[in-house]
Amino acid sequence: MAEISLILSDLDGTLFHDDKTISAYTKQVIAKAQRKDILFGISTSRAMVNAVKFLDGISPDIFITNGGGMVLHRGKKIYSCEFSVSEVRTLIEATFAVLGNDAVLSVDNEVSLYSNSKDELGDKFWTFNEFSDFSETGMKICIQTLDREKVEKIASAIGIENVDYLPVSDIPWYKLSIRERQRKKL
């Protein structure tokens, strides 16, 4: 059997218990693997600022966040991709134009999570933003809808060929991210 060099884990439904805790046994196994020079990594759709709140003493060697939007190796960013400020603005405006003024959306970037919902969205720690004058980049934009045709119309605002869009597996939302050919390596 080949020697193991990397253990990579998702968070929700994998590493986490239902209450977002990690068992003491799992922490011991991870620490033991790292002492044997086996890299331990996290791969999640969560933004890093959200994911690290729950790691409680675990220090991943590899961190893949925002569904692949950013990759860190031992704390050093080695890959990142994001929508530009103007692309984020255009997608936000298209979301409201297509879904109406009551549309609920979120924007994640390297430093924060933003949502126009005043209700707490699950365990995520959002900063409320009405998005009327939002001027930040975004690694991921999530829109509360299951209507693929409407999401395609929103994505087409910056060119459908530039956007990956997938339904979120456990909630009625779509996730938009920039297509691979648009991403920049560091």
Protein backbone atom coordinates (compact mmCIF):
# COMPACT_ATOMS: atom_id res chain seq x y z
CA MET A 1 0.00 0.00 0.00
CA ALA A 2 1.27 3.45 -0.92
CA GLU A 3 2.27 5.71 1.92
CA ILE A 4 -0.30 8.32 2.90
CA SER A 5 0.87 11.90 2.45
CA LEU A 6 -2.39 13.86 2.80
CA ILE A 7 -5.71 13.53 4.62
CA LEU A 8 -8.32 15.95 3.26
CA SER A 9 -11.71 16.41 4.92
CA ASP A 10 -14.90 18.39 4.41
CA LEU A 11 -16.38 20.01 7.51
CA ASP A 12 -20.16 19.82 7.55
CA GLY A 13 -21.40 16.24 7.65
CA THR A 14 -17.84 14.88 7.76
CA LEU A 15 -15.47 16.31 10.36
CA PHE A 16 -18.16 18.12 12.34
CA HIS A 17 -20.80 16.62 14.56
CA ASP A 18 -24.28 18.11 14.08
CA ASP A 19 -23.44 20.83 16.63
CA LYS A 20 -20.27 21.83 14.69
CA THR A 21 -17.91 20.29 17.26
CA ILE A 22 -15.04 17.92 16.55
CA SER A 23 -14.52 14.92 18.80
CA ALA A 24 -11.44 14.66 21.02
CA TYR A 25 -10.62 11.34 19.33
CA THR A 26 -10.68 12.93 15.87
CA LYS A 27 -8.40 15.72 17.10
CA GLN A 28 -5.97 13.11 18.47
CA VAL A 29 -5.94 11.20 15.15
CA ILE A 30 -5.28 14.41 13.21
CA ALA A 31 -2.46 15.44 15.56
CA LYS A 32 -0.93 11.95 15.35
CA ALA A 33 -1.02 12.04 11.54
CA GLN A 34 0.58 15.48 11.47
CA ARG A 35 3.37 14.28 13.81
CA LYS A 36 4.04 11.54 11.23
CA ASP A 37 4.43 14.24 8.54
CA ILE A 38 1.06 13.50 6.98
CA LEU A 39 -0.53 16.72 5.85
CA PHE A 40 -4.03 17.37 7.15
CA GLY A 41 -6.34 19.57 5.12
CA ILE A 42 -9.81 21.04 5.08
CA SER A 43 -11.83 21.38 1.87
CA THR A 44 -15.08 23.29 2.33
CA SER A 45 -17.53 25.56 0.61
CA ARG A 46 -17.48 27.71 3.74
CA ALA A 47 -15.49 30.93 3.76
CA MET A 48 -12.32 30.65 5.82
CA VAL A 49 -13.51 33.29 8.30
CA ASN A 50 -16.51 31.05 9.00
CA ALA A 51 -14.72 27.68 9.01
CA VAL A 52 -11.90 28.58 11.42
CA LYS A 53 -14.41 29.50 14.13
CA PHE A 54 -15.17 25.81 14.60
CA LEU A 55 -11.74 24.14 14.32
CA ASP A 56 -11.00 24.39 18.05
CA GLY A 57 -7.30 23.60 18.20
CA ILE A 58 -6.91 21.95 14.80
CA SER A 59 -4.36 23.63 12.54
CA PRO A 60 -4.78 22.37 8.98
CA ASP A 61 -1.71 22.26 6.76
CA ILE A 62 -3.92 22.76 3.69
CA PHE A 63 -7.03 24.91 3.68
CA ILE A 64 -9.32 24.95 0.64
CA THR A 65 -12.18 27.39 1.19
CA ASN A 66 -15.09 28.93 -0.67
CA GLY A 67 -15.53 25.79 -2.75
CA GLY A 68 -12.02 26.11 -4.16
CA GLY A 69 -11.93 29.91 -4.29
CA MET A 70 -8.86 30.08 -2.06
CA VAL A 71 -6.14 27.59 -1.16
CA LEU A 72 -3.64 28.01 1.66
CA HIS A 73 -0.65 25.81 2.44
CA ARG A 74 0.62 26.21 5.99
CA GLY A 75 -0.96 29.64 6.21
CA LYS A 76 0.41 30.95 2.89
CA LYS A 77 -2.10 31.71 0.18
CA ILE A 78 -1.10 29.75 -2.92
CA TYR A 79 -4.25 30.18 -4.99
CA SER A 80 -7.14 32.60 -5.08
CA CYS A 81 -9.91 33.58 -7.45
CA GLU A 82 -12.74 36.01 -7.12
CA PHE A 83 -15.23 38.17 -8.91
CA SER A 84 -14.03 41.74 -9.35
CA VAL A 85 -15.82 44.59 -7.58
CA SER A 86 -17.63 45.49 -10.82
CA GLU A 87 -18.64 41.85 -11.45
CA VAL A 88 -20.02 41.58 -7.90
CA ARG A 89 -21.97 44.84 -8.36
CA THR A 90 -23.35 43.62 -11.70
CA LEU A 91 -24.40 40.25 -10.25
CA ILE A 92 -26.05 41.90 -7.23
CA GLU A 93 -27.97 44.29 -9.49
CA ALA A 94 -28.99 41.41 -11.77
CA THR A 95 -30.18 39.39 -8.77
CA PHE A 96 -32.53 42.16 -7.66
CA ALA A 97 -33.66 42.79 -11.25
CA VAL A 98 -34.49 39.10 -11.82
CA LEU A 99 -35.75 38.07 -8.37
CA GLY A 100 -37.12 41.39 -7.11
CA ASN A 101 -36.23 43.70 -4.25
CA ASP A 102 -36.93 40.98 -1.66
CA ALA A 103 -34.21 38.69 -3.05
CA VAL A 104 -31.89 37.21 -0.41
CA LEU A 105 -28.22 36.82 -1.27
CA SER A 106 -24.82 36.61 0.29
CA VAL A 107 -21.29 37.49 -0.77
CA ASP A 108 -18.22 35.79 0.73
CA ASN A 109 -14.70 37.04 0.33
CA GLU A 110 -11.39 36.50 2.05
CA VAL A 111 -12.21 38.70 5.03
CA SER A 112 -15.94 38.56 5.62
CA LEU A 113 -19.39 37.16 4.90
CA TYR A 114 -22.19 39.52 3.91
CA SER A 115 -25.93 38.95 3.62
CA ASN A 116 -28.97 41.13 3.16
CA SER A 117 -31.00 38.85 5.42
CA LYS A 118 -31.63 40.18 8.90
CA ASP A 119 -32.26 36.62 10.05
CA GLU A 120 -29.25 34.60 11.14
CA LEU A 121 -28.50 32.16 8.34
CA GLY A 122 -27.67 28.85 10.04
CA ASP A 123 -24.40 28.98 11.96
CA LYS A 124 -22.76 31.47 9.63
CA PHE A 125 -21.63 34.75 11.07
CA TRP A 126 -22.82 37.27 8.54
CA THR A 127 -22.40 41.00 8.39
CA PHE A 128 -25.68 42.57 7.35
CA ASN A 129 -25.47 44.54 4.10
CA GLU A 130 -28.29 45.85 1.94
CA PHE A 131 -25.92 45.71 -1.06
CA SER A 132 -27.05 49.12 -2.32
CA ASP A 133 -23.45 50.39 -2.39
CA PHE A 134 -21.43 47.19 -1.94
CA SER A 135 -17.89 47.65 -3.27
CA GLU A 136 -15.87 44.53 -2.48
CA THR A 137 -14.69 41.52 -4.41
CA GLY A 138 -16.35 38.17 -3.88
CA MET A 139 -15.14 34.58 -4.05
CA LYS A 140 -18.67 33.25 -3.88
CA ILE A 141 -22.13 34.72 -4.29
CA CYS A 142 -25.11 32.72 -3.05
CA ILE A 143 -28.69 33.42 -4.08
CA GLN A 144 -31.78 32.06 -2.38
CA THR A 145 -33.62 30.36 -5.24
CA LEU A 146 -33.88 26.97 -6.89
CA ASP A 147 -34.91 28.43 -10.26
CA ARG A 148 -32.03 27.51 -12.58
CA GLU A 149 -33.36 29.65 -15.44
CA LYS A 150 -33.36 32.75 -13.22
CA VAL A 151 -29.84 31.97 -11.99
CA GLU A 152 -28.67 31.62 -15.61
CA LYS A 153 -30.20 35.01 -16.39
CA ILE A 154 -28.36 36.53 -13.40
CA ALA A 155 -25.06 34.88 -14.41
CA SER A 156 -25.46 36.11 -17.99
CA ALA A 157 -25.15 39.68 -16.69
CA ILE A 158 -21.37 39.16 -16.71
CA GLY A 159 -21.37 36.43 -19.36
CA ILE A 160 -22.70 32.97 -18.60
CA GLU A 161 -19.40 31.52 -19.82
CA ASN A 162 -17.64 33.31 -16.93
CA VAL A 163 -19.72 31.86 -14.09
CA ASP A 164 -20.02 28.42 -12.50
CA TYR A 165 -23.36 28.03 -10.75
CA LEU A 166 -24.48 25.06 -8.71
CA PRO A 167 -27.38 24.41 -6.37
CA VAL A 168 -26.31 24.14 -2.72
CA SER A 169 -26.83 20.58 -1.49
CA ASP A 170 -28.68 21.20 1.77
CA ILE A 171 -30.53 24.52 1.38
CA PRO A 172 -32.59 26.12 -1.44
CA TRP A 173 -29.79 28.31 -2.75
CA TYR A 174 -27.49 28.56 -5.77
CA LYS A 175 -23.78 29.25 -5.45
CA LEU A 176 -22.02 31.33 -8.11
CA SER A 177 -18.26 31.43 -8.56
CA ILE A 178 -15.91 32.58 -11.28
CA ARG A 179 -15.02 29.98 -13.94
CA GLU A 180 -11.60 28.32 -13.83
CA ARG A 181 -10.32 30.03 -16.96
CA GLN A 182 -10.82 33.37 -15.21
CA ARG A 183 -8.91 32.48 -12.05
CA LYS A 184 -5.45 33.80 -11.39
CA LYS A 185 -2.67 31.77 -9.81
CA LEU A 186 -0.54 33.54 -7.23
